Amino acid sequence: MATLELPVTGRVIQATSDHPYLSIRVEIEPSLVGQVMVEAGQLSFPPASESKAVVVSSLGGGLLDAVVRLGRLLETPSEARVLLPILKREIVYRLMIGEQGARLRHLPLQGGHTDRIARAVEKLRNNFTQNLSIEGLAKDLGMSPSGFHHHFKVVTDMSPLQFQKQLRLQEARRLMLGESLDAASAGYRVGYDDPSHFSRDYKRLFGDSPVRDVDRLRSMVSAD
């Protein structure tokens, strides 16, 4: 369950045309969580503290069943309008009574450090090519620079600078793959003035130079 959009990557390690990989993303509105909390009589909010932005846990049988039924709505679009809201409520309820219930109950809460860090993340995502000012961001959020840096890292497991760097490098990778930009042009587009600095950061994140990494990804796509 992710409560913020972080610059993370994933890899499908097993999929074929006969047994394809299926991914389902369910967006949960904080207002829906609040409604289900009321209906379920679970009105105890967790203490106002930071909550990790992404946590992975095992999928219980009841939750798995609800998600499978949600996926089957793809086969009957005419039923989705009626059944989708019902299934989302069930998914929220099953999450609430499960391992991640405390994290889920943070969503309806406004204010506090997690809410402010969420606003900082949104601002960084929209302006990641610009130079980062910790002092400016902290001031906008009503926090001290040291307090902002600490709470940002608690929630995201990254410093603000690391977060911005990952956004830049992932976008550069997309530009080289999708728009056939060379490494220097892609780096410049996302905010790097020094090509060698861009290459070092890229290799540190993806494990190889921009050219070799993109060539490898293209060869994997061609092989599939």
Protein backbone atom coordinates (compact mmCIF):
# COMPACT_ATOMS: atom_id res chain seq x y z
CA MET A 1 0.00 0.00 0.00
CA ALA A 2 1.39 3.39 -1.03
CA THR A 3 0.22 6.63 0.54
CA LEU A 4 2.46 8.82 -1.64
CA GLU A 5 3.63 8.56 -5.24
CA LEU A 6 7.34 7.82 -4.92
CA PRO A 7 9.85 7.36 -7.76
CA VAL A 8 10.07 3.58 -7.50
CA THR A 9 10.74 0.99 -10.19
CA GLY A 10 9.65 -2.61 -10.55
CA ARG A 11 10.39 -5.58 -12.75
CA VAL A 12 8.15 -8.40 -13.94
CA ILE A 13 10.21 -11.58 -13.55
CA GLN A 14 7.73 -14.12 -14.90
CA ALA A 15 5.13 -13.61 -17.64
CA THR A 16 4.21 -15.29 -20.90
CA SER A 17 1.50 -14.85 -23.51
CA ASP A 18 -0.30 -17.84 -21.99
CA HIS A 19 0.13 -16.62 -18.41
CA PRO A 20 0.41 -12.84 -18.61
CA TYR A 21 1.25 -10.54 -15.73
CA LEU A 22 -1.74 -8.61 -14.40
CA SER A 23 -1.35 -5.52 -12.26
CA ILE A 24 -4.25 -3.75 -10.60
CA ARG A 25 -3.96 -0.33 -9.04
CA VAL A 26 -6.80 0.76 -6.78
CA GLU A 27 -6.94 4.43 -5.84
CA ILE A 28 -8.54 4.94 -2.43
CA GLU A 29 -9.96 8.33 -1.52
CA PRO A 30 -9.43 9.47 2.10
CA SER A 31 -13.15 10.31 2.30
CA LEU A 32 -14.02 6.67 1.50
CA VAL A 33 -11.71 5.46 4.27
CA GLY A 34 -13.48 7.80 6.68
CA GLN A 35 -16.91 6.52 5.62
CA VAL A 36 -15.90 2.87 6.06
CA MET A 37 -14.38 3.64 9.45
CA VAL A 38 -17.72 5.06 10.57
CA GLU A 39 -19.72 2.14 9.15
CA ALA A 40 -17.36 -0.41 10.73
CA GLY A 41 -17.34 1.37 14.08
CA GLN A 42 -13.56 1.78 13.94
CA LEU A 43 -13.33 5.43 14.89
CA SER A 44 -10.06 5.27 16.81
CA PHE A 45 -7.49 7.25 14.87
CA PRO A 46 -3.81 6.35 15.23
CA PRO A 47 -1.50 8.86 16.92
CA ALA A 48 -0.58 11.77 14.64
CA SER A 49 2.87 10.61 13.57
CA GLU A 50 4.75 9.86 10.38
CA SER A 51 3.77 6.78 8.41
CA LYS A 52 5.99 5.11 5.81
CA ALA A 53 4.86 5.98 2.31
CA VAL A 54 5.18 2.44 0.90
CA VAL A 55 4.82 -0.83 2.84
CA VAL A 56 4.41 -4.35 1.45
CA SER A 57 2.49 -7.02 3.35
CA SER A 58 1.03 -10.46 2.69
CA LEU A 59 -2.31 -10.67 0.89
CA GLY A 60 -4.94 -12.44 2.99
CA GLY A 61 -7.57 -14.71 1.44
CA GLY A 62 -10.48 -12.30 1.88
CA LEU A 63 -8.61 -9.38 0.37
CA LEU A 64 -7.31 -11.52 -2.49
CA ASP A 65 -10.85 -12.67 -3.27
CA ALA A 66 -12.09 -9.06 -3.40
CA VAL A 67 -9.24 -8.02 -5.70
CA VAL A 68 -9.86 -10.99 -8.02
CA ARG A 69 -13.54 -10.05 -8.27
CA LEU A 70 -12.46 -6.50 -9.04
CA GLY A 71 -10.25 -7.76 -11.86
CA ARG A 72 -13.11 -9.80 -13.30
CA LEU A 73 -15.09 -6.60 -13.82
CA LEU A 74 -12.84 -6.06 -16.84
CA GLU A 75 -14.82 -8.84 -18.51
CA THR A 76 -18.18 -7.21 -17.72
CA PRO A 77 -17.83 -3.42 -18.09
CA SER A 78 -21.60 -2.96 -17.88
CA GLU A 79 -21.54 -4.25 -14.29
CA ALA A 80 -18.55 -2.18 -13.22
CA ARG A 81 -20.53 1.02 -12.65
CA VAL A 82 -22.63 -0.70 -9.99
CA LEU A 83 -20.15 -3.16 -8.48
CA LEU A 84 -16.92 -1.13 -8.49
CA PRO A 85 -17.92 1.17 -5.58
CA ILE A 86 -19.08 -1.85 -3.57
CA LEU A 87 -15.84 -3.75 -4.14
CA LYS A 88 -13.73 -0.71 -3.28
CA ARG A 89 -15.55 -0.42 0.05
CA GLU A 90 -14.90 -4.10 0.73
CA ILE A 91 -11.21 -3.70 -0.14
CA VAL A 92 -10.93 -0.69 2.19
CA TYR A 93 -12.62 -2.64 4.99
CA ARG A 94 -10.39 -5.69 4.56
CA LEU A 95 -7.29 -3.48 4.52
CA MET A 96 -8.56 -1.73 7.64
CA ILE A 97 -8.90 -4.95 9.66
CA GLY A 98 -5.61 -6.29 8.38
CA GLU A 99 -1.92 -5.69 8.89
CA GLN A 100 -1.96 -2.23 7.33
CA GLY A 101 -5.06 -0.96 9.10
CA ALA A 102 -3.24 1.64 11.20
CA ARG A 103 -1.56 3.11 8.12
CA LEU A 104 -4.86 3.23 6.26
CA ARG A 105 -6.54 5.11 9.07
CA HIS A 106 -3.96 7.87 8.66
CA LEU A 107 -5.49 8.83 5.30
CA PRO A 108 -8.55 10.76 6.55
CA LEU A 109 -6.41 12.84 8.89
CA GLN A 110 -5.51 16.35 7.77
CA GLY A 111 -2.58 18.31 9.07
CA GLY A 112 0.46 16.90 10.81
CA HIS A 113 3.82 16.08 9.30
CA THR A 114 2.66 13.37 6.88
CA ASP A 115 0.20 15.74 5.23
CA ARG A 116 2.87 18.41 4.85
CA ILE A 117 5.36 15.93 3.42
CA ALA A 118 2.69 14.84 0.91
CA ARG A 119 2.44 18.46 -0.25
CA ALA A 120 6.22 18.65 -0.54
CA VAL A 121 6.30 15.46 -2.62
CA GLU A 122 3.67 16.87 -4.99
CA LYS A 123 5.64 20.09 -5.39
CA LEU A 124 8.85 18.20 -6.09
CA ARG A 125 7.15 15.97 -8.65
CA ASN A 126 5.82 19.01 -10.51
CA ASN A 127 9.12 20.93 -10.43
CA PHE A 128 11.87 18.29 -10.33
CA THR A 129 13.95 19.93 -13.10
CA GLN A 130 14.41 23.08 -11.02
CA ASN A 131 17.13 23.60 -8.42
CA LEU A 132 16.01 22.38 -5.01
CA SER A 133 15.86 24.79 -2.08
CA ILE A 134 15.37 22.95 1.21
CA GLU A 135 14.97 26.26 3.00
CA GLY A 136 12.30 27.47 0.56
CA LEU A 137 10.31 24.24 0.73
CA ALA A 138 10.49 24.12 4.50
CA LYS A 139 9.35 27.73 4.76
CA ASP A 140 6.36 27.07 2.48
CA LEU A 141 5.34 24.18 4.77
CA GLY A 142 5.86 26.08 8.00
CA MET A 143 8.74 23.83 9.09
CA SER A 144 12.39 24.32 9.95
CA PRO A 145 14.88 23.06 7.31
CA SER A 146 16.21 20.38 9.69
CA GLY A 147 12.71 19.31 10.74
CA PHE A 148 11.55 19.13 7.12
CA HIS A 149 14.58 17.05 6.11
CA HIS A 150 14.04 14.65 9.03
CA HIS A 151 10.31 14.11 8.51
CA PHE A 152 10.70 13.81 4.73
CA LYS A 153 13.21 10.99 5.18
CA VAL A 154 11.08 9.22 7.78
CA VAL A 155 8.10 9.10 5.40
CA THR A 156 9.88 8.44 2.07
CA ASP A 157 13.11 6.69 3.14
CA MET A 158 14.91 9.30 1.03
CA SER A 159 16.26 12.77 1.55
CA PRO A 160 14.58 15.52 -0.55
CA LEU A 161 17.69 15.65 -2.75
CA GLN A 162 17.67 11.87 -3.30
CA PHE A 163 13.96 12.04 -4.12
CA GLN A 164 14.52 14.77 -6.72
CA LYS A 165 17.49 12.89 -8.17
CA GLN A 166 15.45 9.72 -8.68
CA LEU A 167 12.68 11.67 -10.38
CA ARG A 168 15.22 13.24 -12.73
CA LEU A 169 17.00 9.98 -13.56
CA GLN A 170 13.82 8.01 -14.16
CA GLU A 171 12.52 10.72 -16.48
CA ALA A 172 15.87 10.79 -18.32
CA ARG A 173 15.66 7.03 -18.77
CA ARG A 174 12.15 7.41 -20.19
CA LEU A 175 13.34 10.13 -22.59
CA MET A 176 16.19 7.98 -23.90
CA LEU A 177 13.95 4.94 -24.33
CA GLY A 178 10.76 6.60 -25.52
CA GLU A 179 12.04 9.64 -27.41
CA SER A 180 15.49 8.35 -28.46
CA LEU A 181 17.35 11.24 -26.84
CA ASP A 182 21.09 10.84 -26.31
CA ALA A 183 22.38 10.80 -22.74
CA ALA A 184 23.64 14.39 -22.71
CA SER A 185 20.34 15.77 -24.06
CA ALA A 186 18.25 13.71 -21.66
CA GLY A 187 20.38 14.79 -18.71
CA TYR A 188 20.10 18.44 -19.69
CA ARG A 189 16.33 18.13 -20.15
CA VAL A 190 15.85 16.93 -16.57
CA GLY A 191 18.11 19.54 -14.96
CA TYR A 192 21.72 18.30 -15.22
CA ASP A 193 24.25 20.83 -16.51
CA ASP A 194 27.20 18.43 -16.35
CA PRO A 195 26.98 15.26 -18.52
CA SER A 196 29.62 13.45 -16.46
CA HIS A 197 27.70 14.19 -13.25
CA PHE A 198 24.55 12.85 -14.90
CA SER A 199 26.34 9.65 -15.99
CA ARG A 200 27.74 9.04 -12.49
CA ASP A 201 24.35 9.49 -10.84
CA TYR A 202 22.67 7.34 -13.49
CA LYS A 203 25.12 4.47 -13.03
CA ARG A 204 24.77 4.69 -9.24
CA LEU A 205 20.97 4.26 -9.51
CA PHE A 206 20.60 1.85 -12.44
CA GLY A 207 23.90 -0.03 -12.22
CA ASP A 208 25.26 0.88 -15.65
CA SER A 209 26.04 3.83 -17.89
CA PRO A 210 23.08 5.48 -19.66
CA VAL A 211 24.04 4.12 -23.09
CA ARG A 212 24.61 0.52 -21.95
CA ASP A 213 21.52 0.52 -19.75
CA VAL A 214 19.24 1.75 -22.53
CA ASP A 215 20.79 -0.66 -25.05
CA ARG A 216 20.17 -3.53 -22.62
CA LEU A 217 16.53 -2.54 -22.08
CA ARG A 218 15.94 -2.24 -25.82
CA SER A 219 17.46 -5.67 -26.44
CA MET A 220 15.17 -7.16 -23.78
CA VAL A 221 12.13 -5.65 -25.48
CA SER A 222 13.27 -6.92 -28.87
CA ALA A 223 13.79 -10.42 -27.48
CA ASP A 224 10.25 -10.46 -26.10
